[in-house]
């Protein structure tokens, strides 16, 4: 990935039933904020949920969300 990337937040935390992650990175004029959760028995099954919000996207009237 090109450009100047700076992350002000990059945290992974253990929860009762898995892990959560939070990141916030600035890539040029764009800010990407992500939250994720990872659950399961981590031997046979892992469930991952991730939501990313982009702000400051050129020629964009508002926010864009990437979801599966």
N, C-alpha and C. Protein backbone atom coordinates (compact mmCIF):
# COMPACT_ATOMS: atom_id res chain seq x y z
N UNK A 1 0.85 -1.17 0.00
CA UNK A 1 0.00 0.00 0.00
C UNK A 1 0.89 1.22 0.00
N UNK A 2 0.63 2.15 -0.89
CA UNK A 2 1.43 3.35 -0.96
C UNK A 2 0.93 4.43 -0.04
N UNK A 3 1.62 5.52 0.00
CA UNK A 3 1.19 6.65 0.81
C UNK A 3 1.75 6.60 2.21
N UNK A 4 1.51 7.67 2.93
CA UNK A 4 1.99 7.81 4.29
C UNK A 4 0.89 7.33 5.24
N UNK A 5 1.14 6.26 5.98
CA UNK A 5 0.14 5.69 6.87
C UNK A 5 0.57 5.90 8.31
N UNK A 6 -0.35 6.45 9.13
CA UNK A 6 -0.08 6.66 10.54
C UNK A 6 -1.27 6.14 11.34
N UNK A 7 -1.01 5.25 12.28
CA UNK A 7 -2.08 4.68 13.09
C UNK A 7 -1.98 5.23 14.51
N UNK A 8 -3.07 5.85 14.96
CA UNK A 8 -3.11 6.41 16.31
C UNK A 8 -3.67 5.41 17.31
N UNK A 9 -4.31 4.34 16.79
CA UNK A 9 -4.86 3.32 17.68
C UNK A 9 -4.70 1.96 17.02
N UNK A 10 -4.23 1.00 17.78
CA UNK A 10 -4.08 -0.38 17.31
C UNK A 10 -4.13 -1.27 18.54
N UNK A 11 -5.35 -1.66 18.94
CA UNK A 11 -5.53 -2.39 20.19
C UNK A 11 -6.23 -3.73 19.96
N UNK A 12 -5.74 -4.75 20.64
CA UNK A 12 -6.37 -6.07 20.65
C UNK A 12 -6.60 -6.42 22.12
N UNK A 13 -7.84 -6.80 22.46
CA UNK A 13 -8.21 -7.04 23.84
C UNK A 13 -8.89 -8.40 23.99
N UNK A 14 -8.50 -9.15 25.01
CA UNK A 14 -9.14 -10.43 25.32
C UNK A 14 -10.49 -10.16 25.96
N UNK A 15 -11.51 -10.90 25.53
CA UNK A 15 -12.85 -10.81 26.12
C UNK A 15 -13.22 -12.17 26.70
N UNK A 16 -14.40 -12.25 27.29
CA UNK A 16 -14.84 -13.51 27.90
C UNK A 16 -14.98 -14.63 26.87
N UNK A 17 -15.37 -14.29 25.63
CA UNK A 17 -15.59 -15.32 24.62
C UNK A 17 -14.73 -15.16 23.37
N UNK A 18 -13.62 -14.42 23.47
CA UNK A 18 -12.75 -14.27 22.31
C UNK A 18 -11.85 -13.05 22.43
N UNK A 19 -11.81 -12.28 21.34
CA UNK A 19 -10.95 -11.10 21.25
C UNK A 19 -11.68 -9.99 20.52
N UNK A 20 -11.32 -8.74 20.80
CA UNK A 20 -11.79 -7.60 20.02
C UNK A 20 -10.58 -6.82 19.53
N UNK A 21 -10.77 -6.09 18.44
CA UNK A 21 -9.70 -5.24 17.92
C UNK A 21 -10.27 -3.89 17.56
N UNK A 22 -9.45 -2.87 17.73
CA UNK A 22 -9.81 -1.50 17.34
C UNK A 22 -8.58 -0.86 16.71
N UNK A 23 -8.78 -0.26 15.53
CA UNK A 23 -7.70 0.46 14.88
C UNK A 23 -8.21 1.78 14.33
N UNK A 24 -7.34 2.74 14.27
CA UNK A 24 -7.62 4.01 13.60
C UNK A 24 -6.34 4.46 12.92
N UNK A 25 -6.42 4.55 11.59
CA UNK A 25 -5.24 4.92 10.80
C UNK A 25 -5.59 6.04 9.84
N UNK A 26 -4.64 6.91 9.64
CA UNK A 26 -4.78 7.99 8.66
C UNK A 26 -3.85 7.66 7.51
N UNK A 27 -4.42 7.62 6.32
CA UNK A 27 -3.66 7.33 5.10
C UNK A 27 -3.86 8.52 4.19
N UNK A 28 -2.89 9.41 4.18
CA UNK A 28 -3.08 10.66 3.44
C UNK A 28 -4.22 11.44 4.07
N UNK A 29 -5.25 11.78 3.28
CA UNK A 29 -6.40 12.55 3.76
C UNK A 29 -7.50 11.65 4.33
N UNK A 30 -7.37 10.34 4.17
CA UNK A 30 -8.41 9.40 4.56
C UNK A 30 -8.13 8.82 5.94
N UNK A 31 -9.18 8.75 6.77
CA UNK A 31 -9.09 8.09 8.06
C UNK A 31 -9.89 6.81 8.01
N UNK A 32 -9.28 5.69 8.38
CA UNK A 32 -9.94 4.39 8.43
C UNK A 32 -10.04 3.96 9.89
N UNK A 33 -11.27 3.74 10.35
CA UNK A 33 -11.53 3.29 11.71
C UNK A 33 -12.17 1.92 11.64
N UNK A 34 -11.59 0.94 12.34
CA UNK A 34 -12.10 -0.43 12.29
C UNK A 34 -12.32 -0.99 13.68
N UNK A 35 -13.37 -1.81 13.80
CA UNK A 35 -13.66 -2.56 15.02
C UNK A 35 -13.93 -3.99 14.61
N UNK A 36 -13.38 -4.92 15.34
CA UNK A 36 -13.59 -6.32 15.01
C UNK A 36 -13.79 -7.18 16.24
N UNK A 37 -14.43 -8.33 16.03
CA UNK A 37 -14.54 -9.32 17.10
C UNK A 37 -14.22 -10.69 16.53
N UNK A 38 -13.60 -11.51 17.36
CA UNK A 38 -13.16 -12.84 16.98
C UNK A 38 -13.60 -13.80 18.08
N UNK A 39 -14.50 -14.72 17.75
CA UNK A 39 -15.04 -15.64 18.73
C UNK A 39 -14.99 -17.07 18.19
N UNK A 40 -15.18 -18.03 19.07
CA UNK A 40 -15.19 -19.44 18.68
C UNK A 40 -14.32 -20.24 19.62
N UNK A 41 -14.14 -21.52 19.28
CA UNK A 41 -13.29 -22.35 20.13
C UNK A 41 -11.82 -22.25 19.70
N UNK A 42 -11.53 -21.62 18.57
CA UNK A 42 -10.19 -21.35 18.05
C UNK A 42 -9.40 -22.63 17.75
N UNK A 43 -10.11 -23.77 17.70
CA UNK A 43 -9.49 -25.02 17.27
C UNK A 43 -10.19 -25.52 16.01
N UNK A 44 -11.51 -25.52 16.04
CA UNK A 44 -12.29 -25.96 14.89
C UNK A 44 -13.01 -24.81 14.21
N UNK A 45 -13.31 -23.77 14.97
CA UNK A 45 -14.18 -22.72 14.44
C UNK A 45 -13.78 -21.36 14.99
N UNK A 46 -13.76 -20.38 14.10
CA UNK A 46 -13.55 -18.98 14.48
C UNK A 46 -14.53 -18.14 13.70
N UNK A 47 -15.21 -17.23 14.38
CA UNK A 47 -16.11 -16.30 13.72
C UNK A 47 -15.48 -14.91 13.83
N UNK A 48 -15.42 -14.24 12.68
CA UNK A 48 -14.82 -12.91 12.61
C UNK A 48 -15.86 -11.92 12.10
N UNK A 49 -16.00 -10.82 12.80
CA UNK A 49 -16.85 -9.71 12.35
C UNK A 49 -15.99 -8.46 12.36
N UNK A 50 -16.05 -7.71 11.27
CA UNK A 50 -15.22 -6.52 11.13
C UNK A 50 -16.03 -5.42 10.45
N UNK A 51 -15.96 -4.22 11.01
CA UNK A 51 -16.60 -3.06 10.40
C UNK A 51 -15.56 -1.96 10.26
N UNK A 52 -15.46 -1.40 9.07
CA UNK A 52 -14.51 -0.33 8.79
C UNK A 52 -15.25 0.88 8.27
N UNK A 53 -14.96 2.05 8.83
CA UNK A 53 -15.54 3.30 8.38
C UNK A 53 -14.42 4.17 7.81
N UNK A 54 -14.64 4.68 6.58
CA UNK A 54 -13.68 5.57 5.94
C UNK A 54 -14.25 6.98 5.94
N UNK A 55 -13.45 7.95 6.34
CA UNK A 55 -13.84 9.36 6.25
C UNK A 55 -12.75 10.11 5.50
N UNK A 56 -13.14 11.18 4.84
CA UNK A 56 -12.19 11.99 4.09
C UNK A 56 -11.88 11.47 2.72
N UNK A 57 -12.74 10.56 2.20
CA UNK A 57 -12.52 10.01 0.87
C UNK A 57 -12.76 11.11 -0.16
N UNK A 58 -11.79 11.40 -1.04
CA UNK A 58 -11.98 12.45 -2.05
C UNK A 58 -13.22 12.19 -2.91
N UNK A 59 -13.92 13.25 -3.26
CA UNK A 59 -15.12 13.18 -4.10
C UNK A 59 -16.22 12.33 -3.48
N UNK A 60 -16.27 12.25 -2.16
CA UNK A 60 -17.31 11.50 -1.47
C UNK A 60 -18.11 12.46 -0.60
N UNK A 61 -19.44 12.44 -0.71
CA UNK A 61 -20.25 13.37 0.06
C UNK A 61 -20.32 13.01 1.55
N UNK A 62 -19.98 11.79 1.93
CA UNK A 62 -20.10 11.41 3.34
C UNK A 62 -19.25 10.22 3.66
N UNK A 63 -19.77 9.40 4.54
CA UNK A 63 -19.02 8.23 5.02
C UNK A 63 -19.32 7.02 4.15
N UNK A 64 -18.34 6.15 4.06
CA UNK A 64 -18.51 4.88 3.36
C UNK A 64 -18.19 3.77 4.36
N UNK A 65 -19.04 2.77 4.37
CA UNK A 65 -18.82 1.63 5.25
C UNK A 65 -18.59 0.39 4.41
N UNK A 66 -17.61 -0.38 4.77
CA UNK A 66 -17.33 -1.65 4.10
C UNK A 66 -17.82 -2.77 4.99
N UNK A 67 -18.75 -3.55 4.49
CA UNK A 67 -19.27 -4.69 5.25
C UNK A 67 -19.35 -5.89 4.32
N UNK A 68 -19.14 -7.07 4.89
CA UNK A 68 -19.24 -8.28 4.05
C UNK A 68 -20.66 -8.53 3.60
